[in-house]
Amino acid sequence: MKADETARLVRKHVQSNTYIIKDEAFFEKSVHVRGSLITGSHVGFWGDLIVEGSLSLGNRSTVRGNIRAESAFIGNDAEIGGILTTTNDATLLDGVRLGEIDSARSVTIKPDAVIDRIVAEGNAEISGEKALAISLPRARSLSGRRSAGRWTLCAT
C-alpha cells in the first residue's frame, strides 16, 4: 500500500497517541502500531497485527496472523487466524472466532465465540444472557488447570 493510500485510511489522534482506521480498509502486510488502535468494521489484516497500546478491533474484521497488544476489545463476528496475546485484559464479543487467546490478565468472552484454547493469568469469564454454549469444533471435552498462577482451558 502506498503512503498516500495509507494516509487516506488511517488517522491519528495525537493527544492520545491513537490511530483510527476507517471501515473496510485492508492491509496486505503485517502492521506494527506504536500507540493504540481503533478500527472500523470489516477491516482486514492479512499478516500479523502488533499494537503497543490498546486495540479495539471493529465488528466483522479479520486478522489472518497473530495479534499482540497491551489490551484488546474484539468486536462482534471478528476472525483471528492466529494467537491473540495481551499483557492486560481482553474482551471478545459475540461470535468471535480465533485459535488461541493468551492473556496476562483476565479474559471476558461473550456468547457464540469459537476458541480452541484460552490461557489467562486472571479470570476467564464466559457469559451468555439466556444460555451458554461453548463451541469446540474439533474436541470432545474442555479441560482446565491452574499452574503457576495461570489458568489454561483446552479443548481435548
Protein backbone atom coordinates (compact mmCIF):
# COMPACT_ATOMS: atom_id res chain seq x y z
CA MET A 1 0.00 0.00 0.00
CA LYS A 2 1.34 3.43 -0.96
CA ALA A 3 1.83 6.22 1.60
CA ASP A 4 -1.00 8.35 0.17
CA GLU A 5 -3.41 5.38 0.34
CA THR A 6 -2.44 4.74 3.98
CA ALA A 7 -2.97 8.42 4.84
CA ARG A 8 -6.50 8.22 3.38
CA LEU A 9 -7.38 5.15 5.51
CA VAL A 10 -5.61 5.95 8.80
CA ARG A 11 -5.92 8.99 11.04
CA LYS A 12 -4.05 9.76 14.26
CA HIS A 13 -5.40 11.37 17.43
CA VAL A 14 -2.16 12.97 18.59
CA GLN A 15 -3.14 13.73 22.20
CA SER A 16 -3.94 10.07 22.97
CA ASN A 17 -1.45 8.54 20.52
CA THR A 18 -4.32 6.56 18.99
CA TYR A 19 -4.57 5.55 15.35
CA ILE A 20 -8.02 5.16 13.78
CA ILE A 21 -8.59 3.01 10.68
CA LYS A 22 -11.68 3.56 8.53
CA ASP A 23 -14.28 0.87 7.73
CA GLU A 24 -13.45 -1.71 5.05
CA ALA A 25 -9.73 -0.92 4.90
CA PHE A 26 -7.28 -3.75 4.37
CA PHE A 27 -3.55 -4.25 4.77
CA GLU A 28 -1.67 -6.91 2.84
CA LYS A 29 1.40 -6.99 5.10
CA SER A 30 1.90 -7.16 8.85
CA VAL A 31 1.12 -3.93 10.73
CA HIS A 32 3.00 -2.53 13.75
CA VAL A 33 1.36 0.37 15.62
CA ARG A 34 3.38 2.42 18.11
CA GLY A 35 0.34 3.52 20.10
CA SER A 36 -3.28 2.43 20.46
CA LEU A 37 -5.51 1.37 17.57
CA ILE A 38 -9.23 1.60 16.85
CA THR A 39 -10.54 0.04 13.65
CA GLY A 40 -13.86 0.39 11.89
CA SER A 41 -15.85 -2.65 10.80
CA HIS A 42 -14.82 -5.08 8.06
CA VAL A 43 -11.12 -4.15 8.33
CA GLY A 44 -8.72 -6.83 7.07
CA PHE A 45 -5.14 -7.54 8.08
CA TRP A 46 -3.52 -10.28 6.02
CA GLY A 47 -0.47 -10.57 8.29
CA ASP A 48 0.26 -10.06 11.99
CA LEU A 49 -1.00 -7.08 13.98
CA ILE A 50 1.22 -5.65 16.73
CA VAL A 51 -0.19 -2.81 18.85
CA GLU A 52 1.95 -1.16 21.55
CA GLY A 53 -1.19 0.12 23.30
CA SER A 54 -4.82 -0.90 23.45
CA LEU A 55 -6.62 -2.46 20.49
CA SER A 56 -10.28 -2.09 19.58
CA LEU A 57 -10.90 -4.33 16.56
CA GLY A 58 -14.15 -3.48 14.76
CA ASN A 59 -17.06 -5.82 14.07
CA ARG A 60 -16.55 -8.43 11.35
CA SER A 61 -12.86 -7.54 10.98
CA THR A 62 -10.27 -10.19 10.09
CA VAL A 63 -6.66 -10.75 11.10
CA ARG A 64 -5.08 -13.71 9.31
CA GLY A 65 -1.99 -13.76 11.52
CA ASN A 66 -1.31 -13.24 15.24
CA ILE A 67 -2.24 -10.23 17.34
CA ARG A 68 -0.11 -8.82 20.16
CA ALA A 69 -1.44 -5.85 22.19
CA GLU A 70 -1.46 -4.42 25.71
CA SER A 71 -5.23 -4.93 25.91
CA ALA A 72 -7.82 -5.97 23.35
CA PHE A 73 -11.51 -5.41 22.72
CA ILE A 74 -12.53 -7.62 19.79
CA GLY A 75 -15.81 -6.74 18.05
CA ASN A 76 -18.70 -8.99 17.04
CA ASP A 77 -18.00 -11.73 14.48
CA ALA A 78 -14.32 -10.84 14.12
CA GLU A 79 -11.96 -13.60 13.00
CA ILE A 80 -8.36 -14.08 14.08
CA GLY A 81 -6.34 -16.75 12.31
CA GLY A 82 -3.57 -16.98 14.89
CA ILE A 83 -2.97 -16.29 18.58
CA LEU A 84 -4.26 -13.22 20.42
CA THR A 85 -1.72 -12.24 23.12
CA THR A 86 -2.34 -9.43 25.62
CA THR A 87 -0.37 -8.11 28.59
CA ASN A 88 -3.61 -6.78 30.10
CA ASP A 89 -7.32 -7.70 29.89
CA ALA A 90 -9.07 -8.94 26.75
CA THR A 91 -12.76 -8.86 25.83
CA LEU A 92 -14.21 -10.91 22.97
CA LEU A 93 -17.72 -10.01 21.83
CA ASP A 94 -20.40 -12.25 20.28
CA GLY A 95 -19.34 -14.61 17.52
CA VAL A 96 -15.58 -14.02 17.66
CA ARG A 97 -13.51 -16.84 16.15
CA LEU A 98 -9.87 -17.49 16.97
CA GLY A 99 -7.47 -20.32 17.63
CA GLU A 100 -5.99 -19.21 20.96
CA ILE A 101 -6.02 -16.37 23.44
CA ASP A 102 -3.16 -15.86 25.89
CA SER A 103 -3.76 -13.06 28.39
CA ALA A 104 -1.53 -11.93 31.25
CA ARG A 105 -4.70 -10.71 32.99
CA SER A 106 -8.41 -11.55 32.65
CA VAL A 107 -10.46 -12.63 29.63
CA THR A 108 -14.16 -11.94 29.08
CA ILE A 109 -15.91 -13.95 26.38
CA LYS A 110 -19.43 -13.24 25.14
CA PRO A 111 -21.82 -15.79 23.52
CA ASP A 112 -21.18 -17.76 20.33
CA ALA A 113 -17.40 -17.36 20.39
CA VAL A 114 -15.35 -20.20 18.93
CA ILE A 115 -11.95 -20.51 20.61
CA ASP A 116 -9.70 -23.57 20.68
CA ARG A 117 -7.57 -22.57 23.69
CA ILE A 118 -7.81 -20.00 26.49
CA VAL A 119 -4.86 -19.10 28.73
CA ALA A 120 -5.33 -16.38 31.36
CA GLU A 121 -3.42 -15.38 34.49
CA GLY A 122 -6.57 -13.72 35.81
CA ASN A 123 -10.19 -14.79 35.47
CA ALA A 124 -11.71 -16.33 32.35
CA GLU A 125 -15.33 -15.21 32.32
CA ILE A 126 -17.62 -16.78 29.74
CA SER A 127 -21.11 -15.28 29.70
CA GLY A 128 -24.43 -15.50 27.95
CA GLU A 129 -27.84 -13.97 28.61
CA LYS A 130 -30.13 -16.97 28.21
CA ALA A 131 -27.89 -19.97 27.67
CA LEU A 132 -24.21 -20.68 27.40
CA ALA A 133 -22.79 -22.81 24.65
CA ILE A 134 -19.08 -23.40 24.27
CA SER A 135 -18.24 -24.44 20.75
CA LEU A 136 -15.41 -26.95 20.50
CA PRO A 137 -15.45 -27.88 16.81
CA ARG A 138 -12.64 -30.44 16.97
CA ALA A 139 -12.93 -31.54 20.58
CA ARG A 140 -14.86 -33.87 22.82
CA SER A 141 -14.30 -32.03 26.08
CA LEU A 142 -13.00 -28.90 27.78
CA SER A 143 -10.36 -29.21 30.46
CA GLY A 144 -8.91 -26.60 32.76
CA ARG A 145 -5.90 -26.45 35.02
CA ARG A 146 -4.14 -23.88 37.15
CA SER A 147 -0.36 -23.86 37.12
CA ALA A 148 2.00 -21.16 38.42
CA GLY A 149 -0.92 -18.73 38.82
CA ARG A 150 -2.25 -19.18 35.26
CA TRP A 151 -5.47 -20.84 34.14
CA THR A 152 -5.46 -22.81 30.92
CA LEU A 153 -8.65 -24.08 29.28
CA CYS A 154 -8.10 -26.52 26.43
CA ALA A 155 -10.27 -28.40 24.02
CA THR A 156 -9.34 -32.09 24.08
